[in-house]
N, C-alpha and C. Protein backbone atom coordinates (compact mmCIF):
# COMPACT_ATOMS: atom_id res chain seq x y z
N MET A 1 4.58 -2.28 -3.48
CA MET A 1 3.95 -2.24 -2.17
C MET A 1 3.01 -3.42 -2.08
N SER A 2 2.96 -4.04 -0.94
CA SER A 2 2.12 -5.23 -0.81
C SER A 2 0.65 -4.84 -0.68
N LEU A 3 -0.19 -5.62 -1.31
CA LEU A 3 -1.62 -5.42 -1.20
C LEU A 3 -2.06 -5.57 0.25
N ARG A 4 -1.46 -6.50 0.95
CA ARG A 4 -1.77 -6.75 2.36
C ARG A 4 -1.69 -5.45 3.17
N HIS A 5 -0.58 -4.74 3.01
CA HIS A 5 -0.38 -3.52 3.78
C HIS A 5 -1.24 -2.37 3.27
N SER A 6 -1.50 -2.33 1.98
CA SER A 6 -2.38 -1.30 1.43
C SER A 6 -3.78 -1.44 2.01
N LEU A 7 -4.27 -2.68 2.08
CA LEU A 7 -5.61 -2.90 2.64
C LEU A 7 -5.67 -2.51 4.11
N LEU A 8 -4.64 -2.88 4.86
CA LEU A 8 -4.60 -2.50 6.28
C LEU A 8 -4.60 -0.98 6.43
N ALA A 9 -3.82 -0.30 5.60
CA ALA A 9 -3.74 1.16 5.68
C ALA A 9 -5.10 1.80 5.38
N VAL A 10 -5.79 1.32 4.35
CA VAL A 10 -7.10 1.88 4.02
C VAL A 10 -8.10 1.59 5.14
N LEU A 11 -7.99 0.43 5.76
CA LEU A 11 -8.92 0.10 6.85
C LEU A 11 -8.71 0.96 8.09
N THR A 12 -7.63 1.75 8.15
CA THR A 12 -7.49 2.69 9.28
C THR A 12 -8.60 3.74 9.22
N LEU A 13 -9.25 3.88 8.07
CA LEU A 13 -10.35 4.84 7.92
C LEU A 13 -11.66 4.31 8.48
N GLY A 14 -11.74 3.00 8.71
CA GLY A 14 -12.97 2.40 9.23
C GLY A 14 -13.35 1.18 8.42
N PRO A 15 -14.42 0.49 8.85
CA PRO A 15 -14.85 -0.72 8.17
C PRO A 15 -15.20 -0.47 6.70
N ALA A 16 -14.90 -1.47 5.87
CA ALA A 16 -15.19 -1.37 4.44
C ALA A 16 -15.41 -2.76 3.88
N TYR A 17 -16.07 -2.83 2.73
CA TYR A 17 -16.29 -4.11 2.06
C TYR A 17 -15.24 -4.30 0.97
N GLY A 18 -15.11 -5.49 0.47
CA GLY A 18 -14.03 -5.87 -0.43
C GLY A 18 -13.89 -5.02 -1.68
N TYR A 19 -14.96 -4.84 -2.43
CA TYR A 19 -14.85 -4.06 -3.67
C TYR A 19 -14.55 -2.60 -3.36
N GLN A 20 -15.05 -2.11 -2.27
CA GLN A 20 -14.75 -0.74 -1.82
C GLN A 20 -13.25 -0.61 -1.53
N LEU A 21 -12.68 -1.60 -0.86
CA LEU A 21 -11.24 -1.59 -0.58
C LEU A 21 -10.43 -1.64 -1.87
N HIS A 22 -10.87 -2.45 -2.81
CA HIS A 22 -10.22 -2.53 -4.12
C HIS A 22 -10.15 -1.15 -4.75
N ALA A 23 -11.29 -0.48 -4.83
CA ALA A 23 -11.35 0.84 -5.47
C ALA A 23 -10.51 1.87 -4.71
N GLU A 24 -10.52 1.81 -3.39
CA GLU A 24 -9.74 2.76 -2.59
C GLU A 24 -8.24 2.58 -2.82
N VAL A 25 -7.78 1.34 -2.85
CA VAL A 25 -6.35 1.09 -3.07
C VAL A 25 -5.93 1.60 -4.45
N VAL A 26 -6.72 1.28 -5.46
CA VAL A 26 -6.39 1.72 -6.81
C VAL A 26 -6.36 3.25 -6.89
N GLU A 27 -7.36 3.90 -6.34
CA GLU A 27 -7.44 5.37 -6.39
C GLU A 27 -6.31 6.04 -5.60
N ARG A 28 -6.03 5.53 -4.44
CA ARG A 28 -5.06 6.19 -3.56
C ARG A 28 -3.61 5.94 -3.96
N THR A 29 -3.31 4.81 -4.57
CA THR A 29 -1.92 4.49 -4.90
C THR A 29 -1.58 4.77 -6.35
N ARG A 30 -2.57 4.97 -7.20
CA ARG A 30 -2.33 5.19 -8.63
C ARG A 30 -1.48 4.06 -9.20
N ARG A 31 -1.84 2.85 -8.86
CA ARG A 31 -1.08 1.65 -9.23
C ARG A 31 -0.73 1.60 -10.71
N ASP A 32 0.45 1.08 -10.99
CA ASP A 32 0.89 0.85 -12.37
C ASP A 32 0.19 -0.37 -12.96
N ALA A 33 0.09 -1.41 -12.17
CA ALA A 33 -0.47 -2.68 -12.63
C ALA A 33 -1.93 -2.79 -12.22
N PRO A 34 -2.73 -3.47 -13.03
CA PRO A 34 -4.13 -3.68 -12.64
C PRO A 34 -4.21 -4.52 -11.38
N LEU A 35 -5.25 -4.31 -10.63
CA LEU A 35 -5.47 -5.06 -9.40
C LEU A 35 -6.73 -5.88 -9.56
N ASN A 36 -6.60 -7.19 -9.50
CA ASN A 36 -7.72 -8.10 -9.63
C ASN A 36 -8.48 -8.11 -8.30
N VAL A 37 -9.78 -7.93 -8.37
CA VAL A 37 -10.57 -7.90 -7.14
C VAL A 37 -10.50 -9.24 -6.40
N GLY A 38 -10.25 -10.34 -7.13
CA GLY A 38 -10.07 -11.63 -6.48
C GLY A 38 -8.86 -11.64 -5.56
N GLN A 39 -7.80 -10.91 -5.94
CA GLN A 39 -6.62 -10.78 -5.08
C GLN A 39 -7.00 -10.12 -3.76
N VAL A 40 -7.89 -9.13 -3.86
CA VAL A 40 -8.31 -8.42 -2.66
C VAL A 40 -9.00 -9.38 -1.70
N TYR A 41 -9.93 -10.18 -2.22
CA TYR A 41 -10.67 -11.10 -1.35
C TYR A 41 -9.77 -12.19 -0.77
N SER A 42 -8.86 -12.72 -1.56
CA SER A 42 -7.98 -13.75 -1.00
C SER A 42 -7.04 -13.14 0.04
N THR A 43 -6.61 -11.90 -0.18
CA THR A 43 -5.77 -11.23 0.82
C THR A 43 -6.57 -10.94 2.09
N LEU A 44 -7.81 -10.54 1.94
CA LEU A 44 -8.67 -10.31 3.11
C LEU A 44 -8.84 -11.61 3.91
N ASP A 45 -8.99 -12.72 3.21
CA ASP A 45 -9.10 -14.01 3.91
C ASP A 45 -7.83 -14.30 4.73
N ARG A 46 -6.66 -14.03 4.15
CA ARG A 46 -5.40 -14.26 4.87
C ARG A 46 -5.26 -13.29 6.05
N LEU A 47 -5.66 -12.04 5.85
CA LEU A 47 -5.57 -11.07 6.95
C LEU A 47 -6.48 -11.47 8.11
N ARG A 48 -7.65 -12.00 7.78
CA ARG A 48 -8.56 -12.46 8.85
C ARG A 48 -7.95 -13.68 9.54
N ARG A 49 -7.40 -14.61 8.76
CA ARG A 49 -6.75 -15.81 9.32
C ARG A 49 -5.60 -15.42 10.25
N ASP A 50 -4.85 -14.37 9.88
CA ASP A 50 -3.70 -13.92 10.66
C ASP A 50 -4.08 -13.01 11.83
N GLY A 51 -5.37 -12.76 12.02
CA GLY A 51 -5.82 -11.96 13.15
C GLY A 51 -5.61 -10.45 12.99
N LEU A 52 -5.45 -9.98 11.77
CA LEU A 52 -5.21 -8.55 11.55
C LEU A 52 -6.48 -7.79 11.20
N ILE A 53 -7.50 -8.51 10.72
CA ILE A 53 -8.81 -7.91 10.49
C ILE A 53 -9.86 -8.86 11.05
N GLU A 54 -11.06 -8.32 11.21
CA GLU A 54 -12.17 -9.13 11.70
C GLU A 54 -13.44 -8.72 10.97
N ASP A 55 -14.44 -9.56 11.05
CA ASP A 55 -15.74 -9.22 10.46
C ASP A 55 -16.33 -8.06 11.24
N ALA A 56 -16.97 -7.16 10.51
CA ALA A 56 -17.57 -5.98 11.15
C ALA A 56 -19.00 -5.77 10.69
N GLY A 57 -19.75 -6.86 10.59
CA GLY A 57 -21.14 -6.75 10.16
C GLY A 57 -21.24 -6.74 8.65
N SER A 58 -22.28 -6.07 8.15
CA SER A 58 -22.48 -6.02 6.71
C SER A 58 -23.17 -4.72 6.33
N THR A 59 -23.10 -4.41 5.06
CA THR A 59 -23.76 -3.22 4.52
C THR A 59 -25.27 -3.49 4.48
N PRO A 60 -26.07 -2.46 4.24
CA PRO A 60 -27.52 -2.69 4.13
C PRO A 60 -27.89 -3.71 3.05
N ASP A 61 -27.03 -3.86 2.02
CA ASP A 61 -27.32 -4.86 1.00
C ASP A 61 -26.51 -6.14 1.20
N ASN A 62 -26.10 -6.38 2.44
CA ASN A 62 -25.48 -7.64 2.88
C ASN A 62 -24.08 -7.93 2.35
N LEU A 63 -23.31 -6.90 2.04
CA LEU A 63 -21.90 -7.12 1.70
C LEU A 63 -21.11 -7.15 3.00
N PRO A 64 -20.25 -8.14 3.19
CA PRO A 64 -19.51 -8.24 4.45
C PRO A 64 -18.51 -7.09 4.61
N LEU A 65 -18.49 -6.54 5.81
CA LEU A 65 -17.55 -5.47 6.15
C LEU A 65 -16.39 -6.04 6.93
N TYR A 66 -15.23 -5.42 6.76
CA TYR A 66 -14.00 -5.82 7.44
C TYR A 66 -13.48 -4.64 8.24
N ALA A 67 -12.91 -4.92 9.40
CA ALA A 67 -12.33 -3.88 10.26
C ALA A 67 -11.00 -4.37 10.81
N LEU A 68 -10.15 -3.42 11.17
CA LEU A 68 -8.85 -3.75 11.76
C LEU A 68 -9.01 -4.28 13.18
N THR A 69 -8.17 -5.22 13.54
CA THR A 69 -8.00 -5.58 14.94
C THR A 69 -6.90 -4.68 15.50
N ASP A 70 -6.61 -4.77 16.77
CA ASP A 70 -5.52 -3.99 17.35
C ASP A 70 -4.19 -4.34 16.68
N ALA A 71 -3.97 -5.63 16.44
CA ALA A 71 -2.73 -6.06 15.77
C ALA A 71 -2.67 -5.50 14.35
N GLY A 72 -3.80 -5.47 13.66
CA GLY A 72 -3.84 -4.92 12.31
C GLY A 72 -3.55 -3.43 12.29
N ALA A 73 -4.06 -2.71 13.30
CA ALA A 73 -3.80 -1.26 13.38
C ALA A 73 -2.31 -1.00 13.60
N ILE A 74 -1.66 -1.82 14.41
CA ILE A 74 -0.22 -1.66 14.66
C ILE A 74 0.56 -1.93 13.37
N GLU A 75 0.20 -2.99 12.66
CA GLU A 75 0.91 -3.30 11.41
C GLU A 75 0.68 -2.21 10.36
N ALA A 76 -0.53 -1.66 10.29
CA ALA A 76 -0.81 -0.58 9.35
C ALA A 76 0.04 0.65 9.68
N ARG A 77 0.12 0.98 10.96
CA ARG A 77 0.93 2.13 11.38
C ARG A 77 2.40 1.94 11.01
N MET A 78 2.91 0.75 11.24
CA MET A 78 4.31 0.47 10.89
C MET A 78 4.52 0.62 9.38
N HIS A 79 3.57 0.15 8.60
CA HIS A 79 3.67 0.25 7.15
C HIS A 79 3.69 1.71 6.69
N LEU A 80 2.95 2.55 7.39
CA LEU A 80 2.85 3.96 7.02
C LEU A 80 4.00 4.81 7.56
N THR A 81 4.91 4.23 8.31
CA THR A 81 6.00 5.02 8.87
C THR A 81 7.38 4.40 8.68
N GLU A 82 7.47 3.09 8.48
CA GLU A 82 8.77 2.41 8.51
C GLU A 82 8.99 1.51 7.29
N PRO A 83 9.32 2.09 6.14
CA PRO A 83 9.63 1.23 4.98
C PRO A 83 10.91 0.46 5.24
N ASP A 84 11.03 -0.69 4.59
CA ASP A 84 12.21 -1.52 4.84
C ASP A 84 13.17 -1.60 3.67
N LEU A 85 12.83 -0.99 2.52
CA LEU A 85 13.79 -0.96 1.44
C LEU A 85 13.54 0.23 0.53
N ALA A 86 14.59 0.68 -0.13
CA ALA A 86 14.51 1.82 -1.04
C ALA A 86 14.19 1.30 -2.43
N ASP A 87 12.92 1.14 -2.72
CA ASP A 87 12.45 0.71 -4.02
C ASP A 87 11.55 1.79 -4.58
N TRP A 88 11.81 2.22 -5.80
CA TRP A 88 11.09 3.35 -6.39
C TRP A 88 9.58 3.14 -6.41
N HIS A 89 9.10 2.03 -6.98
CA HIS A 89 7.66 1.81 -7.12
C HIS A 89 6.98 1.67 -5.76
N ASP A 90 7.61 0.95 -4.86
CA ASP A 90 7.06 0.81 -3.51
C ASP A 90 6.95 2.18 -2.85
N MET A 91 7.98 2.98 -2.98
CA MET A 91 7.98 4.31 -2.36
C MET A 91 6.85 5.18 -2.90
N VAL A 92 6.71 5.23 -4.21
CA VAL A 92 5.68 6.09 -4.81
C VAL A 92 4.30 5.66 -4.33
N GLU A 93 3.99 4.37 -4.41
CA GLU A 93 2.67 3.90 -3.99
C GLU A 93 2.44 4.12 -2.50
N ARG A 94 3.44 3.83 -1.69
CA ARG A 94 3.28 3.97 -0.24
C ARG A 94 3.12 5.43 0.17
N VAL A 95 3.90 6.32 -0.42
CA VAL A 95 3.79 7.74 -0.08
C VAL A 95 2.46 8.31 -0.56
N LEU A 96 2.03 7.95 -1.77
CA LEU A 96 0.72 8.43 -2.24
C LEU A 96 -0.40 7.94 -1.33
N LEU A 97 -0.34 6.69 -0.91
CA LEU A 97 -1.33 6.16 0.01
C LEU A 97 -1.29 6.94 1.32
N ALA A 98 -0.12 7.15 1.86
CA ALA A 98 0.01 7.87 3.14
C ALA A 98 -0.52 9.29 3.03
N LEU A 99 -0.25 9.96 1.91
CA LEU A 99 -0.74 11.33 1.72
C LEU A 99 -2.26 11.39 1.72
N SER A 100 -2.92 10.31 1.29
CA SER A 100 -4.37 10.31 1.18
C SER A 100 -5.08 10.01 2.50
N LEU A 101 -4.31 9.63 3.52
CA LEU A 101 -4.90 9.23 4.81
C LEU A 101 -4.63 10.29 5.87
N PRO A 102 -5.58 10.53 6.75
CA PRO A 102 -5.32 11.48 7.84
C PRO A 102 -4.31 10.90 8.83
N GLY A 103 -3.62 11.77 9.53
CA GLY A 103 -2.67 11.32 10.54
C GLY A 103 -1.33 12.00 10.40
N ASP A 104 -0.43 11.66 11.30
CA ASP A 104 0.89 12.30 11.36
C ASP A 104 2.00 11.43 10.78
N HIS A 105 1.65 10.45 9.97
CA HIS A 105 2.62 9.46 9.50
C HIS A 105 3.47 9.93 8.31
N VAL A 106 3.02 10.90 7.53
CA VAL A 106 3.75 11.29 6.31
C VAL A 106 5.16 11.79 6.61
N PRO A 107 5.37 12.70 7.57
CA PRO A 107 6.75 13.14 7.82
C PRO A 107 7.68 11.99 8.24
N MET A 108 7.17 11.06 9.03
CA MET A 108 7.99 9.91 9.44
C MET A 108 8.31 9.02 8.25
N LEU A 109 7.33 8.79 7.39
CA LEU A 109 7.55 7.94 6.21
C LEU A 109 8.56 8.58 5.27
N VAL A 110 8.40 9.87 5.00
CA VAL A 110 9.33 10.57 4.11
C VAL A 110 10.75 10.56 4.70
N GLY A 111 10.86 10.81 6.00
CA GLY A 111 12.17 10.77 6.66
C GLY A 111 12.81 9.40 6.56
N SER A 112 12.00 8.35 6.73
CA SER A 112 12.51 6.99 6.63
C SER A 112 13.01 6.71 5.21
N TYR A 113 12.25 7.14 4.22
CA TYR A 113 12.69 6.93 2.84
C TYR A 113 13.96 7.72 2.53
N ARG A 114 14.07 8.93 3.05
CA ARG A 114 15.30 9.70 2.83
C ARG A 114 16.52 8.93 3.34
N ARG A 115 16.39 8.39 4.55
CA ARG A 115 17.50 7.62 5.13
C ARG A 115 17.81 6.37 4.31
N LEU A 116 16.77 5.67 3.88
CA LEU A 116 16.98 4.47 3.08
C LEU A 116 17.68 4.79 1.76
N TRP A 117 17.24 5.84 1.10
CA TRP A 117 17.87 6.20 -0.18
C TRP A 117 19.29 6.70 0.02
N ALA A 118 19.55 7.38 1.12
CA ALA A 118 20.90 7.88 1.37
C ALA A 118 21.89 6.73 1.57
N HIS A 119 21.40 5.62 2.12
CA HIS A 119 22.28 4.49 2.41
C HIS A 119 22.13 3.36 1.40
N ARG A 120 21.40 3.60 0.33
CA ARG A 120 21.18 2.54 -0.66
C ARG A 120 22.49 2.24 -1.38
N GLY A 121 22.79 0.98 -1.45
CA GLY A 121 24.00 0.57 -2.16
C GLY A 121 23.85 0.71 -3.66
N GLY A 122 24.93 0.75 -4.34
CA GLY A 122 24.92 0.83 -5.80
C GLY A 122 24.93 -0.56 -6.39
N ALA A 123 25.44 -0.66 -7.57
CA ALA A 123 25.50 -1.94 -8.28
C ALA A 123 26.50 -2.87 -7.58
N SER A 124 26.18 -4.13 -7.57
CA SER A 124 27.05 -5.12 -6.95
C SER A 124 28.32 -5.32 -7.77
N ASP A 125 29.44 -5.44 -7.09
CA ASP A 125 30.68 -5.74 -7.80
C ASP A 125 31.14 -7.17 -7.51
N GLU A 126 30.18 -8.01 -7.05
CA GLU A 126 30.48 -9.41 -6.80
C GLU A 126 30.65 -10.19 -8.10
N VAL A 127 30.00 -9.75 -9.14
CA VAL A 127 30.03 -10.44 -10.42
C VAL A 127 31.13 -9.82 -11.28
N GLY A 128 31.87 -10.65 -11.96
CA GLY A 128 32.91 -10.15 -12.84
C GLY A 128 32.33 -9.26 -13.93
N ASP A 129 33.09 -8.27 -14.37
CA ASP A 129 32.61 -7.33 -15.38
C ASP A 129 33.46 -7.47 -16.64
N PRO A 130 32.97 -8.26 -17.62
CA PRO A 130 33.76 -8.50 -18.84
C PRO A 130 33.92 -7.24 -19.69
N SER A 131 33.24 -6.15 -19.32
CA SER A 131 33.35 -4.92 -20.12
C SER A 131 34.52 -4.06 -19.68
N GLY A 132 35.33 -4.57 -18.76
CA GLY A 132 36.47 -3.79 -18.29
C GLY A 132 36.07 -2.69 -17.32
N GLY A 133 34.91 -2.82 -16.68
CA GLY A 133 34.47 -1.84 -15.69
C GLY A 133 33.42 -0.88 -16.21
N ALA A 134 33.18 -0.86 -17.51
CA ALA A 134 32.20 0.08 -18.08
C ALA A 134 30.78 -0.24 -17.62
N ALA A 135 30.42 -1.51 -17.59
CA ALA A 135 29.07 -1.89 -17.16
C ALA A 135 28.87 -1.55 -15.69
N GLN A 136 29.89 -1.82 -14.87
CA GLN A 136 29.81 -1.49 -13.44
C GLN A 136 29.65 0.01 -13.26
N ALA A 137 30.41 0.79 -13.99
CA ALA A 137 30.33 2.26 -13.88
C ALA A 137 28.95 2.75 -14.31
N ALA A 138 28.41 2.18 -15.38
CA ALA A 138 27.07 2.58 -15.85
C ALA A 138 26.01 2.23 -14.82
N ALA A 139 26.11 1.07 -14.19
CA ALA A 139 25.15 0.66 -13.17
C ALA A 139 25.23 1.57 -11.94
N GLN A 140 26.43 1.92 -11.54
CA GLN A 140 26.60 2.83 -10.40
C GLN A 140 26.05 4.22 -10.72
N HIS A 141 26.25 4.67 -11.95
CA HIS A 141 25.71 5.96 -12.37
C HIS A 141 24.17 5.93 -12.31
N ALA A 142 23.58 4.84 -12.80
CA ALA A 142 22.12 4.69 -12.75
C ALA A 142 21.63 4.71 -11.30
N ALA A 143 22.34 4.04 -10.40
CA ALA A 143 21.95 4.02 -8.99
C ALA A 143 22.01 5.42 -8.39
N ARG A 144 23.05 6.19 -8.73
CA ARG A 144 23.15 7.57 -8.22
C ARG A 144 22.02 8.44 -8.75
N LEU A 145 21.67 8.28 -10.03
CA LEU A 145 20.56 9.06 -10.60
C LEU A 145 19.23 8.69 -9.96
N LEU A 146 19.01 7.41 -9.71
CA LEU A 146 17.78 6.98 -9.07
C LEU A 146 17.70 7.54 -7.65
N GLN A 147 18.81 7.50 -6.94
CA GLN A 147 18.86 8.06 -5.59
C GLN A 147 18.55 9.56 -5.62
N ALA A 148 19.15 10.30 -6.54
CA ALA A 148 18.89 11.74 -6.66
C ALA A 148 17.43 12.00 -7.04
N SER A 149 16.88 11.17 -7.92
CA SER A 149 15.47 11.32 -8.31
C SER A 149 14.54 11.08 -7.13
N ALA A 150 14.84 10.07 -6.32
CA ALA A 150 14.00 9.78 -5.16
C ALA A 150 13.99 10.96 -4.20
N HIS A 151 15.16 11.52 -3.93
CA HIS A 151 15.22 12.67 -3.03
C HIS A 151 14.51 13.87 -3.63
N ALA A 152 14.66 14.10 -4.93
CA ALA A 152 13.98 15.23 -5.58
C ALA A 152 12.47 15.05 -5.52
N TRP A 153 11.98 13.82 -5.75
CA TRP A 153 10.54 13.58 -5.69
C TRP A 153 10.02 13.80 -4.27
N LEU A 154 10.74 13.31 -3.27
CA LEU A 154 10.32 13.51 -1.88
C LEU A 154 10.32 15.00 -1.52
N ASP A 155 11.27 15.76 -2.06
CA ASP A 155 11.31 17.21 -1.81
C ASP A 155 10.13 17.94 -2.43
N ALA A 156 9.59 17.42 -3.51
CA ALA A 156 8.55 18.11 -4.27
C ALA A 156 7.14 17.59 -4.01
N LEU A 157 6.95 16.82 -2.95
CA LEU A 157 5.62 16.27 -2.68
C LEU A 157 4.60 17.38 -2.49
N PRO A 158 3.44 17.22 -3.12
CA PRO A 158 2.39 18.22 -2.93
C PRO A 158 1.69 18.03 -1.59
N THR A 159 1.01 19.04 -1.16
CA THR A 159 0.14 18.91 0.01
C THR A 159 -1.20 18.42 -0.52
N ILE A 160 -1.64 17.30 -0.01
CA ILE A 160 -2.92 16.71 -0.43
C ILE A 160 -3.82 16.63 0.79
N GLU A 161 -5.03 17.07 0.61
CA GLU A 161 -6.01 16.98 1.70
C GLU A 161 -6.49 15.53 1.79
N PRO A 162 -6.25 14.86 2.92
CA PRO A 162 -6.69 13.46 3.05
C PRO A 162 -8.21 13.35 2.90
N TRP A 163 -8.68 12.18 2.49
CA TRP A 163 -10.11 11.98 2.36
C TRP A 163 -10.51 10.65 2.98
N GLY A 164 -11.77 10.55 3.32
CA GLY A 164 -12.30 9.35 3.94
C GLY A 164 -12.68 8.31 2.90
N LEU A 165 -13.30 7.25 3.37
CA LEU A 165 -13.77 6.20 2.47
C LEU A 165 -14.87 6.76 1.58
N ARG A 166 -14.83 6.40 0.32
CA ARG A 166 -15.88 6.83 -0.62
C ARG A 166 -17.09 5.92 -0.45
N THR A 167 -18.24 6.53 -0.49
CA THR A 167 -19.47 5.73 -0.41
C THR A 167 -20.27 5.83 -1.70
N ASP A 168 -19.73 6.53 -2.69
CA ASP A 168 -20.47 6.75 -3.93
C ASP A 168 -20.13 5.74 -5.02
N ARG A 169 -19.56 4.63 -4.65
CA ARG A 169 -19.16 3.63 -5.63
C ARG A 169 -20.31 2.63 -5.86
N ARG A 170 -20.24 2.01 -7.01
CA ARG A 170 -21.20 0.95 -7.31
C ARG A 170 -21.03 -0.17 -6.30
N ARG A 171 -22.09 -0.66 -5.77
CA ARG A 171 -22.04 -1.73 -4.77
C ARG A 171 -21.72 -3.05 -5.43
N ARG A 172 -20.54 -3.59 -5.11
CA ARG A 172 -20.14 -4.90 -5.60
C ARG A 172 -19.44 -5.60 -4.46
N GLY A 173 -19.28 -6.86 -4.57
CA GLY A 173 -18.55 -7.59 -3.54
C GLY A 173 -19.04 -9.01 -3.45
N ARG A 174 -18.59 -9.67 -2.42
CA ARG A 174 -19.01 -11.06 -2.21
C ARG A 174 -20.48 -11.10 -1.89
N ARG A 175 -21.09 -12.11 -2.40
CA ARG A 175 -22.48 -12.33 -2.07
C ARG A 175 -22.58 -12.78 -0.62
N ALA A 176 -23.72 -12.50 -0.04
CA ALA A 176 -23.95 -12.94 1.33
C ALA A 176 -23.90 -14.46 1.38
N ALA A 177 -23.48 -14.98 2.51
CA ALA A 177 -23.39 -16.44 2.67
C ALA A 177 -24.77 -17.07 2.54
N ASP A 178 -24.79 -18.34 2.11
CA ASP A 178 -26.06 -19.05 2.01
C ASP A 178 -26.76 -19.00 3.35
N GLY A 179 -28.06 -18.78 3.29
CA GLY A 179 -28.84 -18.71 4.51
C GLY A 179 -28.97 -17.29 5.03
N ALA A 180 -28.21 -16.36 4.48
CA ALA A 180 -28.29 -14.98 4.94
C ALA A 180 -29.53 -14.29 4.38
N HIS A 181 -30.01 -14.81 3.23
CA HIS A 181 -31.23 -14.26 2.64
C HIS A 181 -32.35 -15.26 2.84
N PRO A 182 -33.53 -14.78 3.20
CA PRO A 182 -34.64 -15.71 3.34
C PRO A 182 -34.98 -16.31 1.97
N THR A 183 -35.33 -17.55 1.96
CA THR A 183 -35.74 -18.19 0.69
C THR A 183 -37.20 -17.85 0.42
N PRO A 184 -37.53 -17.65 -0.86
CA PRO A 184 -38.93 -17.30 -1.19
C PRO A 184 -39.87 -18.45 -0.99
């Protein structure tokens, strides 16, 4: 799942600062890979450049807050309802994120994933199979098992009570711009 879309989805909860967004994405998606906070800030810069987020003031300790624009809210909604490929890791992270957010998007997202997995192709037969078809058969079997696993996981989703932005985290983030603090 793209960090870009994860940040937009979390920002549907309201304005947040960079390190707060980092912690929310990690907590809500249960990511496999570590997430560098620098990636979050560079992605926020691109989202602002693309007109999907805007500055929303600052925290009492001068950490910059970010908020969705109308275009960003539309893109976040699309991300939470319309996946574009049947990928196991993307599905798990996206569904976990959606479950943690309030709204009516989870049934649409799950339905979209069901359709994608139902129509997911198996192993490609464009490449010659020097094993006499055994490798192709094994790959197709793996694809069928993955498809069955995806449907079983979607069937067994727990009910999770959505939660808002956490405010009990250690305050970290970008320093205020030069001139934002009076000089002694």
